[in-house]
Protein backbone atom coordinates (compact mmCIF):
# COMPACT_ATOMS: atom_id res chain seq x y z
CA UNK A 1 129.30 78.99 49.55
CA UNK A 2 132.41 77.58 51.29
CA UNK A 3 131.86 79.33 54.66
CA UNK A 4 129.33 81.41 56.50
CA UNK A 5 130.06 84.02 58.99
CA UNK A 6 127.81 85.30 61.79
CA UNK A 7 127.80 88.41 63.41
CA UNK A 8 126.80 88.04 67.13
CA UNK A 9 124.98 91.06 68.87
CA UNK A 10 121.50 91.24 67.80
CA UNK A 11 121.75 88.27 65.38
CA UNK A 12 122.60 85.47 67.83
CA UNK A 13 121.82 86.81 71.17
CA UNK A 14 119.36 89.37 71.94
CA UNK A 15 121.75 91.96 73.23
CA UNK A 16 121.15 95.14 71.40
CA UNK A 17 118.41 96.43 73.82
CA UNK A 18 121.05 95.54 76.63
CA UNK A 19 123.54 97.50 75.01
CA UNK A 20 121.37 100.56 74.59
CA UNK A 21 120.57 100.28 78.04
CA UNK A 22 124.06 100.03 79.04
CA UNK A 23 125.10 103.03 77.36
CA UNK A 24 122.37 104.98 78.32
CA UNK A 25 123.33 104.29 81.98
CA UNK A 26 127.20 104.63 81.62
CA UNK A 27 127.20 107.69 79.43
CA UNK A 28 124.63 109.11 82.13
CA UNK A 29 127.14 108.77 84.88
CA UNK A 30 129.53 111.12 82.90
CA UNK A 31 126.65 113.64 82.12
CA UNK A 32 125.53 112.88 78.91
CA UNK A 33 121.96 112.11 78.41
CA UNK A 34 121.28 109.86 75.42
CA UNK A 35 118.04 108.60 74.17
CA UNK A 36 117.19 105.13 72.74
CA UNK A 37 116.92 106.54 69.17
CA UNK A 38 120.82 108.11 69.47
CA UNK A 39 122.09 104.69 70.59
CA UNK A 40 120.43 102.86 67.53
CA UNK A 41 122.51 105.37 65.43
CA UNK A 42 125.73 103.56 66.37
CA UNK A 43 124.35 99.92 66.34
CA UNK A 44 127.13 97.76 64.66
CA UNK A 45 130.02 100.07 65.82
CA UNK A 46 132.84 99.10 68.25
CA UNK A 47 132.10 100.22 71.67
CA UNK A 48 135.39 102.22 71.79
CA UNK A 49 134.46 104.04 68.60
CA UNK A 50 130.85 104.72 69.97
CA UNK A 51 132.53 106.33 73.14
CA UNK A 52 134.66 108.38 70.75
CA UNK A 53 131.98 109.36 68.65
CA UNK A 54 129.78 110.76 71.65
CA UNK A 55 132.86 112.46 73.17
CA UNK A 56 133.77 114.24 69.86
CA UNK A 57 130.26 115.63 69.72
CA UNK A 58 129.75 116.50 73.54
CA UNK A 59 133.00 116.34 75.52
CA UNK A 60 132.77 115.42 79.35
CA UNK A 61 134.91 115.79 82.17
CA UNK A 62 136.29 112.87 84.46
CA UNK A 63 136.21 109.34 82.98
CA UNK A 64 137.84 109.02 79.58
CA UNK A 65 136.23 107.59 76.47
CA UNK A 66 138.31 104.45 76.81
CA UNK A 67 137.17 104.01 80.49
CA UNK A 68 133.69 104.71 79.77
CA UNK A 69 133.82 102.01 76.85
CA UNK A 70 135.29 99.55 79.37
CA UNK A 71 132.51 100.17 81.92
CA UNK A 72 130.05 99.49 79.39
CA UNK A 73 131.75 96.24 78.31
CA UNK A 74 131.92 95.14 81.96
CA UNK A 75 128.31 95.61 82.28
CA UNK A 76 127.38 93.66 79.33
CA UNK A 77 129.56 90.78 80.16
CA UNK A 78 127.65 90.56 83.55
CA UNK A 79 124.49 90.98 81.98
CA UNK A 80 124.90 88.54 79.25
CA UNK A 81 126.58 86.00 81.45
CA UNK A 82 123.45 86.24 83.82
CA UNK A 83 120.38 86.49 81.70
CA UNK A 84 121.55 86.38 77.82
CA UNK A 85 118.91 84.84 75.48
CA UNK A 86 119.38 83.56 72.03
CA UNK A 87 117.60 85.38 69.20
CA UNK A 88 114.72 83.46 67.44
CA UNK A 89 116.27 80.58 65.36
CA UNK A 90 119.68 81.41 66.11
CA UNK A 91 121.02 78.17 67.80
CA UNK A 92 119.24 75.98 65.12
CA UNK A 93 120.68 78.24 62.34
CA UNK A 94 124.15 77.71 63.48
CA UNK A 95 123.87 73.90 63.95
CA UNK A 96 122.26 73.74 60.47
CA UNK A 97 125.05 75.64 58.89
CA UNK A 98 127.64 73.66 60.90
CA UNK A 99 126.49 70.53 59.04
CA UNK A 100 127.29 71.95 55.55
CA UNK A 101 129.91 74.50 55.58
CA UNK A 102 132.85 75.99 57.81
CA UNK A 103 131.79 78.63 60.29
CA UNK A 104 133.29 81.73 61.76
CA UNK A 105 132.08 84.42 64.02
CA UNK A 106 132.94 88.19 63.09
CA UNK A 107 131.88 90.74 65.86
CA UNK A 108 132.47 94.36 66.81
CA UNK A 109 132.31 93.31 70.52
CA UNK A 110 135.53 92.67 72.50
CA UNK A 111 136.81 89.06 72.71
CA UNK A 112 135.69 88.69 76.26
CA UNK A 113 132.13 89.61 75.47
CA UNK A 114 132.35 87.22 72.68
CA UNK A 115 133.34 84.45 74.95
CA UNK A 116 130.93 85.15 77.54
CA UNK A 117 128.12 84.89 74.80
CA UNK A 118 129.16 81.97 73.18
CA UNK A 119 129.48 80.10 76.68
CA UNK A 120 125.95 81.49 77.64
CA UNK A 121 124.64 79.93 74.32
CA UNK A 122 126.63 76.79 74.39
CA UNK A 123 128.20 77.64 71.06
CA UNK A 124 131.75 77.86 72.11
CA UNK A 125 132.83 74.82 69.76
CA UNK A 126 130.91 75.48 66.94
CA UNK A 127 133.07 78.15 65.05
CA UNK A 128 136.27 77.35 63.52
CA UNK A 129 137.43 80.78 63.57
CA UNK A 130 136.40 83.72 65.98
CA UNK A 131 137.31 87.38 65.03
CA UNK A 132 136.84 90.57 67.07
CA UNK A 133 136.95 94.03 65.29
CA UNK A 134 139.02 95.12 68.53
CA UNK A 135 141.86 93.74 67.00
CA UNK A 136 141.41 96.02 63.68
CA UNK A 137 142.48 99.48 63.10
CA UNK A 138 138.86 100.20 61.91
CA UNK A 139 135.71 98.37 63.05
CA UNK A 140 132.48 97.96 61.05
CA UNK A 141 131.37 99.48 58.64
CA UNK A 142 135.09 98.84 57.39
CA UNK A 143 135.36 95.11 56.03
CA UNK A 144 138.55 94.22 57.96
CA UNK A 145 136.99 91.89 60.56
CA UNK A 146 135.17 90.02 57.87
CA UNK A 147 138.22 89.68 55.65
CA UNK A 148 140.34 88.47 58.56
CA UNK A 149 137.65 85.78 59.12
CA UNK A 150 137.93 84.73 55.61
CA UNK A 151 141.50 84.65 55.71
CA UNK A 152 141.69 82.63 58.70
CA UNK A 153 139.26 80.17 57.24
CA UNK A 154 141.31 79.91 54.02
CA UNK A 155 138.35 80.81 51.95
CA UNK A 156 137.90 83.66 49.24
CA UNK A 157 135.77 86.54 50.27
CA UNK A 158 133.46 86.04 47.56
CA UNK A 159 132.75 82.53 48.45
CA UNK A 160 131.50 83.63 52.05
CA UNK A 161 127.87 84.24 53.30
CA UNK A 162 127.67 86.95 56.09
CA UNK A 163 124.80 86.91 58.39
CA UNK A 164 124.07 90.26 60.05
CA UNK A 165 121.59 92.41 61.78
CA UNK A 166 122.83 95.95 61.35
CA UNK A 167 123.37 98.30 58.60
CA UNK A 168 127.10 98.81 59.40
CA UNK A 169 127.44 95.06 59.27
CA UNK A 170 125.81 94.91 55.99
CA UNK A 171 128.03 97.56 54.63
CA UNK A 172 131.08 95.80 55.98
CA UNK A 173 130.04 92.65 54.45
CA UNK A 174 129.49 93.98 50.92
CA UNK A 175 132.54 96.22 51.02
CA UNK A 176 134.28 92.65 51.61
CA UNK A 177 132.75 91.40 48.46
CA UNK A 178 130.55 88.83 50.51
CA UNK A 179 126.95 87.62 50.12
CA UNK A 180 124.90 88.99 52.95
CA UNK A 181 121.69 87.82 54.87
CA UNK A 182 120.19 90.54 57.17
CA UNK A 183 117.86 89.97 59.95
CA UNK A 184 117.25 93.69 61.13
CA UNK A 185 115.61 94.53 64.55
CA UNK A 186 113.74 97.32 62.46
CA UNK A 187 112.87 97.92 58.72
CA UNK A 188 115.14 100.30 56.68
CA UNK A 189 115.14 100.75 53.11
CA UNK A 190 118.84 100.73 53.09
CA UNK A 191 118.73 96.89 53.79
CA UNK A 192 117.86 96.39 50.03
CA UNK A 193 121.65 96.25 49.62
CA UNK A 194 121.48 92.70 51.23
CA UNK A 195 121.01 89.59 49.21
CA UNK A 196 118.06 88.53 51.61
CA UNK A 197 116.36 90.21 54.36
CA UNK A 198 114.58 87.97 56.79
CA UNK A 199 112.32 88.09 59.54
CA UNK A 200 114.20 85.78 61.84
CA UNK A 201 116.86 83.16 61.39
CA UNK A 202 114.32 80.46 61.37
CA UNK A 203 113.69 81.42 57.84
CA UNK A 204 117.22 80.89 56.59
CA UNK A 205 117.07 77.10 55.43
CA UNK A 206 114.55 77.98 52.87
CA UNK A 207 116.97 80.47 51.41
CA UNK A 208 120.32 78.71 51.46
CA UNK A 209 120.29 76.80 48.12
CA UNK A 210 119.51 80.24 46.40
CA UNK A 211 122.50 82.15 47.90
């Protein structure tokens, strides 16, 4: 392992429930009533892709999908900045890996939310490379954001370890030919594709030598 690439939402910060609440609230403003389960279906996707996905299934009048996506991100930046909390073992995992390999962060979130999150967690200076899928033609499960992170680090994809929480992120990591440790919010048999499935990042040190 020459580099470790962290996802952000749901892995470093406890933000997935906040994402679902924000989506339900903002989509509700344009007349689209989403359930928590429907929001879970798009976990790991870029928010503009989420908005386009729902608009294609149930078009609404008024605000464009891009405007809806911007409103959701605005809410998330405000809420993360005010009350964002780290996931169990997240800070310790970053600090531990920072002492043994190069680190990158590769997230589906826009860069402004990434910056707000890292500032909230006190991790702004821990990552040599930060990539946002907003700069890519396709977000996760496409591997582009992970491949760009590896390229910026100067590390071969096969020498990278990805840490993820979502199925879309796992698929993206494997498509990039990277090893992947998953810390899922809920069990799913499809996570069998991962190299390891952990209950929290606190379990990570015990598995590193075998990855």
